[in-house]
Amino acid sequence: MKRFFIAAFLLLTLLVAGCKVENKKILVFEHGEVGPKTWLSLEVQGNRILNRVYLTKGSYSDLGVGDKNEAEALYSVPPAGLKDIKGFELSYDFTEEGFVRELVIDHTTISPDDLNLIVDRVGVWYGDNVDLPNLIMKLEQVGFVRLE
């Protein structure tokens, strides 16, 4: 099952990234031995971050709710003010076992003010809008491990 999610995540990342373009690469990180598991994919060009895709899989208790119905009621609509931001997508998929959250940020189109709004409203954020070496350092500090 884990391999399926990683394969699906990598495929999704490639679709978000578009066709292969020279000098671009995809970096994939994983986080979470206890509680929700998060995979982060970064599309980068040099030290510039082009796209981030977070995929989180967890149980309903990780969201602080008791079941699927409660989670759908609270999380099926994006937080206020984030719905129409260009370069941002947030979606949830709810199953009987738990949830899958996908958060996509297109750094080529999102404005700095909108990025700050996302950080304020989404609550879970790893790293800032910084250059790639500093972001990787911050990711490692909070427990992300780079997958080869």
C-alpha atoms as a PDB file:
ATOM      1  CA  MET A   1       0.000   0.000   0.000  1.00  0.00           C
ATOM      2  CA  LYS A   2       2.871   2.349   0.876  1.00  0.00           C
ATOM      3  CA  ARG A   3       4.501   1.712  -2.499  1.00  0.00           C
ATOM      4  CA  PHE A   4       1.200   2.485  -4.220  1.00  0.00           C
ATOM      5  CA  PHE A   5       0.953   5.874  -2.491  1.00  0.00           C
ATOM      6  CA  ILE A   6       4.566   6.728  -3.265  1.00  0.00           C
ATOM      7  CA  ALA A   7       4.137   5.694  -6.914  1.00  0.00           C
ATOM      8  CA  ALA A   8       0.874   7.645  -7.195  1.00  0.00           C
ATOM      9  CA  PHE A   9       2.503  10.633  -5.506  1.00  0.00           C
ATOM     10  CA  LEU A  10       5.462  10.601  -7.884  1.00  0.00           C
ATOM     11  CA  LEU A  11       3.138  10.311 -10.874  1.00  0.00           C
ATOM     12  CA  LEU A  12       1.044  13.206  -9.589  1.00  0.00           C
ATOM     13  CA  THR A  13       4.186  15.249  -9.070  1.00  0.00           C
ATOM     14  CA  LEU A  14       5.283  14.631 -12.637  1.00  0.00           C
ATOM     15  CA  LEU A  15       1.866  15.654 -13.914  1.00  0.00           C
ATOM     16  CA  VAL A  16       1.978  18.852 -11.867  1.00  0.00           C
ATOM     17  CA  ALA A  17       5.492  19.515 -13.071  1.00  0.00           C
ATOM     18  CA  GLY A  18       4.482  19.076 -16.700  1.00  0.00           C
ATOM     19  CA  CYS A  19       6.648  17.556 -19.359  1.00  0.00           C
ATOM     20  CA  LYS A  20      10.315  16.938 -18.798  1.00  0.00           C
ATOM     21  CA  VAL A  21      12.233  20.175 -19.068  1.00  0.00           C
ATOM     22  CA  GLU A  22      15.978  20.311 -18.880  1.00  0.00           C
ATOM     23  CA  ASN A  23      17.589  21.579 -15.694  1.00  0.00           C
ATOM     24  CA  LYS A  24      14.495  20.763 -13.629  1.00  0.00           C
ATOM     25  CA  LYS A  25      14.494  17.984 -11.087  1.00  0.00           C
ATOM     26  CA  ILE A  26      12.138  16.472  -8.545  1.00  0.00           C
ATOM     27  CA  LEU A  27      13.180  15.978  -4.916  1.00  0.00           C
ATOM     28  CA  VAL A  28      11.011  13.741  -2.727  1.00  0.00           C
ATOM     29  CA  PHE A  29      10.965  13.740   1.076  1.00  0.00           C
ATOM     30  CA  GLU A  30       9.081  11.664   3.644  1.00  0.00           C
ATOM     31  CA  HIS A  31       8.049  12.488   7.222  1.00  0.00           C
ATOM     32  CA  GLY A  32       6.167  10.755   9.979  1.00  0.00           C
ATOM     33  CA  GLU A  33       6.957   7.573  11.852  1.00  0.00           C
ATOM     34  CA  VAL A  34       4.089   8.162  14.286  1.00  0.00           C
ATOM     35  CA  GLY A  35       0.800   9.770  13.312  1.00  0.00           C
ATOM     36  CA  PRO A  36       0.173  11.058   9.812  1.00  0.00           C
ATOM     37  CA  LYS A  37       2.674  10.247   7.072  1.00  0.00           C
ATOM     38  CA  THR A  38       3.645  13.097   4.736  1.00  0.00           C
ATOM     39  CA  TRP A  39       5.439  12.999   1.417  1.00  0.00           C
ATOM     40  CA  LEU A  40       6.774  16.241  -0.025  1.00  0.00           C
ATOM     41  CA  SER A  41       7.759  16.631  -3.632  1.00  0.00           C
ATOM     42  CA  LEU A  42       9.704  19.688  -4.761  1.00  0.00           C
ATOM     43  CA  GLU A  43      10.108  20.610  -8.403  1.00  0.00           C
ATOM     44  CA  VAL A  44      13.273  22.681  -8.558  1.00  0.00           C
ATOM     45  CA  GLN A  45      15.403  24.417 -11.135  1.00  0.00           C
ATOM     46  CA  GLY A  46      18.827  25.250  -9.787  1.00  0.00           C
ATOM     47  CA  ASN A  47      18.173  26.656  -6.292  1.00  0.00           C
ATOM     48  CA  ARG A  48      14.722  27.930  -7.248  1.00  0.00           C
ATOM     49  CA  ILE A  49      11.628  26.099  -5.998  1.00  0.00           C
ATOM     50  CA  LEU A  50       9.002  25.912  -8.736  1.00  0.00           C
ATOM     51  CA  ASN A  51       6.342  23.682  -7.151  1.00  0.00           C
ATOM     52  CA  ARG A  52       5.635  21.941  -3.856  1.00  0.00           C
ATOM     53  CA  VAL A  53       3.260  19.031  -3.497  1.00  0.00           C
ATOM     54  CA  TYR A  54       2.458  17.722  -0.021  1.00  0.00           C
ATOM     55  CA  LEU A  55       0.591  14.423   0.271  1.00  0.00           C
ATOM     56  CA  THR A  56      -0.450  13.463   3.802  1.00  0.00           C
ATOM     57  CA  LYS A  57      -2.117  10.203   4.802  1.00  0.00           C
ATOM     58  CA  GLY A  58      -3.457   9.725   8.303  1.00  0.00           C
ATOM     59  CA  SER A  59      -6.265   8.646  10.581  1.00  0.00           C
ATOM     60  CA  TYR A  60      -9.187  10.779  11.651  1.00  0.00           C
ATOM     61  CA  SER A  61      -7.705  11.132  15.129  1.00  0.00           C
ATOM     62  CA  ASP A  62      -4.739  12.903  13.466  1.00  0.00           C
ATOM     63  CA  LEU A  63      -7.239  15.584  12.381  1.00  0.00           C
ATOM     64  CA  GLY A  64      -8.754  15.744  15.858  1.00  0.00           C
ATOM     65  CA  VAL A  65     -12.068  14.253  14.727  1.00  0.00           C
ATOM     66  CA  GLY A  66     -13.829  10.989  15.417  1.00  0.00           C
ATOM     67  CA  ASP A  67     -14.926   9.721  12.024  1.00  0.00           C
ATOM     68  CA  LYS A  68     -15.291  10.262   8.290  1.00  0.00           C
ATOM     69  CA  ASN A  69     -18.524  12.279   8.559  1.00  0.00           C
ATOM     70  CA  GLU A  70     -17.043  14.728  11.061  1.00  0.00           C
ATOM     71  CA  ALA A  71     -13.884  15.122   8.953  1.00  0.00           C
ATOM     72  CA  GLU A  72     -15.893  15.776   5.786  1.00  0.00           C
ATOM     73  CA  ALA A  73     -17.966  18.399   7.591  1.00  0.00           C
ATOM     74  CA  LEU A  74     -14.867  20.255   8.804  1.00  0.00           C
ATOM     75  CA  TYR A  75     -12.373  19.788   5.970  1.00  0.00           C
ATOM     76  CA  SER A  76     -14.256  19.401   2.689  1.00  0.00           C
ATOM     77  CA  VAL A  77     -14.169  23.181   2.098  1.00  0.00           C
ATOM     78  CA  PRO A  78     -10.808  25.038   1.963  1.00  0.00           C
ATOM     79  CA  PRO A  79     -10.127  27.521   4.795  1.00  0.00           C
ATOM     80  CA  ALA A  80     -11.606  31.001   4.317  1.00  0.00           C
ATOM     81  CA  GLY A  81      -9.791  33.156   1.800  1.00  0.00           C
ATOM     82  CA  LEU A  82      -7.776  30.333   0.216  1.00  0.00           C
ATOM     83  CA  LYS A  83     -10.264  28.983  -2.306  1.00  0.00           C
ATOM     84  CA  ASP A  84      -9.466  31.398  -5.140  1.00  0.00           C
ATOM     85  CA  ILE A  85      -5.708  31.810  -4.713  1.00  0.00           C
ATOM     86  CA  LYS A  86      -3.916  31.326  -8.019  1.00  0.00           C
ATOM     87  CA  GLY A  87      -1.137  28.766  -7.614  1.00  0.00           C
ATOM     88  CA  PHE A  88      -2.670  26.958  -4.618  1.00  0.00           C
ATOM     89  CA  GLU A  89      -4.757  23.807  -4.342  1.00  0.00           C
ATOM     90  CA  LEU A  90      -5.888  21.977  -1.201  1.00  0.00           C
ATOM     91  CA  SER A  91      -8.021  18.860  -1.319  1.00  0.00           C
ATOM     92  CA  TYR A  92      -8.985  15.965   0.937  1.00  0.00           C
ATOM     93  CA  ASP A  93     -10.043  12.430   0.142  1.00  0.00           C
ATOM     94  CA  PHE A  94     -11.911  10.658   2.948  1.00  0.00           C
ATOM     95  CA  THR A  95     -12.069   6.863   3.236  1.00  0.00           C
ATOM     96  CA  GLU A  96     -13.304   4.559   5.975  1.00  0.00           C
ATOM     97  CA  GLU A  97      -9.700   4.092   7.155  1.00  0.00           C
ATOM     98  CA  GLY A  98      -8.638   7.736   7.188  1.00  0.00           C
ATOM     99  CA  PHE A  99      -7.850  10.734   5.016  1.00  0.00           C
ATOM    100  CA  VAL A 100      -5.462  11.799   2.282  1.00  0.00           C
ATOM    101  CA  ARG A 101      -4.699  15.526   1.991  1.00  0.00           C
ATOM    102  CA  GLU A 102      -3.039  17.019  -1.062  1.00  0.00           C
ATOM    103  CA  LEU A 103      -1.605  20.525  -0.935  1.00  0.00           C
ATOM    104  CA  VAL A 104      -0.061  21.989  -4.093  1.00  0.00           C
ATOM    105  CA  ILE A 105       1.777  25.308  -4.280  1.00  0.00           C
ATOM    106  CA  ASP A 106       2.963  26.662  -7.619  1.00  0.00           C
ATOM    107  CA  HIS A 107       5.745  29.084  -6.741  1.00  0.00           C
ATOM    108  CA  THR A 108       5.861  30.357 -10.325  1.00  0.00           C
ATOM    109  CA  THR A 109       2.401  31.936 -10.035  1.00  0.00           C
ATOM    110  CA  ILE A 110       1.651  32.482  -6.340  1.00  0.00           C
ATOM    111  CA  SER A 111       2.264  35.917  -4.846  1.00  0.00           C
ATOM    112  CA  PRO A 112       4.306  36.378  -1.640  1.00  0.00           C
ATOM    113  CA  ASP A 113       1.228  37.802   0.128  1.00  0.00           C
ATOM    114  CA  ASP A 114      -0.873  34.794  -0.859  1.00  0.00           C
ATOM    115  CA  LEU A 115       1.889  32.451   0.302  1.00  0.00           C
ATOM    116  CA  ASN A 116       1.900  34.179   3.703  1.00  0.00           C
ATOM    117  CA  LEU A 117      -1.889  33.827   3.861  1.00  0.00           C
ATOM    118  CA  ILE A 118      -1.576  30.092   3.191  1.00  0.00           C
ATOM    119  CA  VAL A 119       1.006  29.723   5.950  1.00  0.00           C
ATOM    120  CA  ASP A 120      -1.320  31.545   8.373  1.00  0.00           C
ATOM    121  CA  ARG A 121      -4.468  29.594   7.448  1.00  0.00           C
ATOM    122  CA  VAL A 122      -3.264  26.058   6.734  1.00  0.00           C
ATOM    123  CA  GLY A 123      -1.318  25.743   9.959  1.00  0.00           C
ATOM    124  CA  VAL A 124       1.037  22.930   8.954  1.00  0.00           C
ATOM    125  CA  TRP A 125       4.045  24.270   7.136  1.00  0.00           C
ATOM    126  CA  TYR A 126       7.552  22.964   6.687  1.00  0.00           C
ATOM    127  CA  GLY A 127      10.083  25.566   5.718  1.00  0.00           C
ATOM    128  CA  ASP A 128       9.569  29.043   4.400  1.00  0.00           C
ATOM    129  CA  ASN A 129       9.635  30.572   0.951  1.00  0.00           C
ATOM    130  CA  VAL A 130      13.423  30.343   0.977  1.00  0.00           C
ATOM    131  CA  ASP A 131      16.068  29.099  -1.393  1.00  0.00           C
ATOM    132  CA  LEU A 132      16.488  25.369  -1.856  1.00  0.00           C
ATOM    133  CA  PRO A 133      19.525  24.667   0.392  1.00  0.00           C
ATOM    134  CA  ASN A 134      17.894  26.467   3.341  1.00  0.00           C
ATOM    135  CA  LEU A 135      14.558  24.732   2.750  1.00  0.00           C
ATOM    136  CA  ILE A 136      16.226  21.303   2.677  1.00  0.00           C
ATOM    137  CA  MET A 137      18.027  22.150   5.927  1.00  0.00           C
ATOM    138  CA  LYS A 138      14.730  23.211   7.573  1.00  0.00           C
ATOM    139  CA  LEU A 139      12.960  20.089   6.309  1.00  0.00           C
ATOM    140  CA  GLU A 140      15.663  17.871   7.800  1.00  0.00           C
ATOM    141  CA  GLN A 141      15.458  19.766  11.108  1.00  0.00           C
ATOM    142  CA  VAL A 142      11.749  18.889  11.467  1.00  0.00           C
ATOM    143  CA  GLY A 143      12.276  15.231  10.560  1.00  0.00           C
ATOM    144  CA  PHE A 144      11.879  14.960   6.794  1.00  0.00           C
ATOM    145  CA  VAL A 145      14.100  12.363   5.118  1.00  0.00           C
ATOM    146  CA  ARG A 146      15.038  12.680   1.461  1.00  0.00           C
ATOM    147  CA  LEU A 147      14.144   9.635  -0.641  1.00  0.00           C
ATOM    148  CA  GLU A 148      16.541   8.670  -3.408  1.00  0.00           C
END
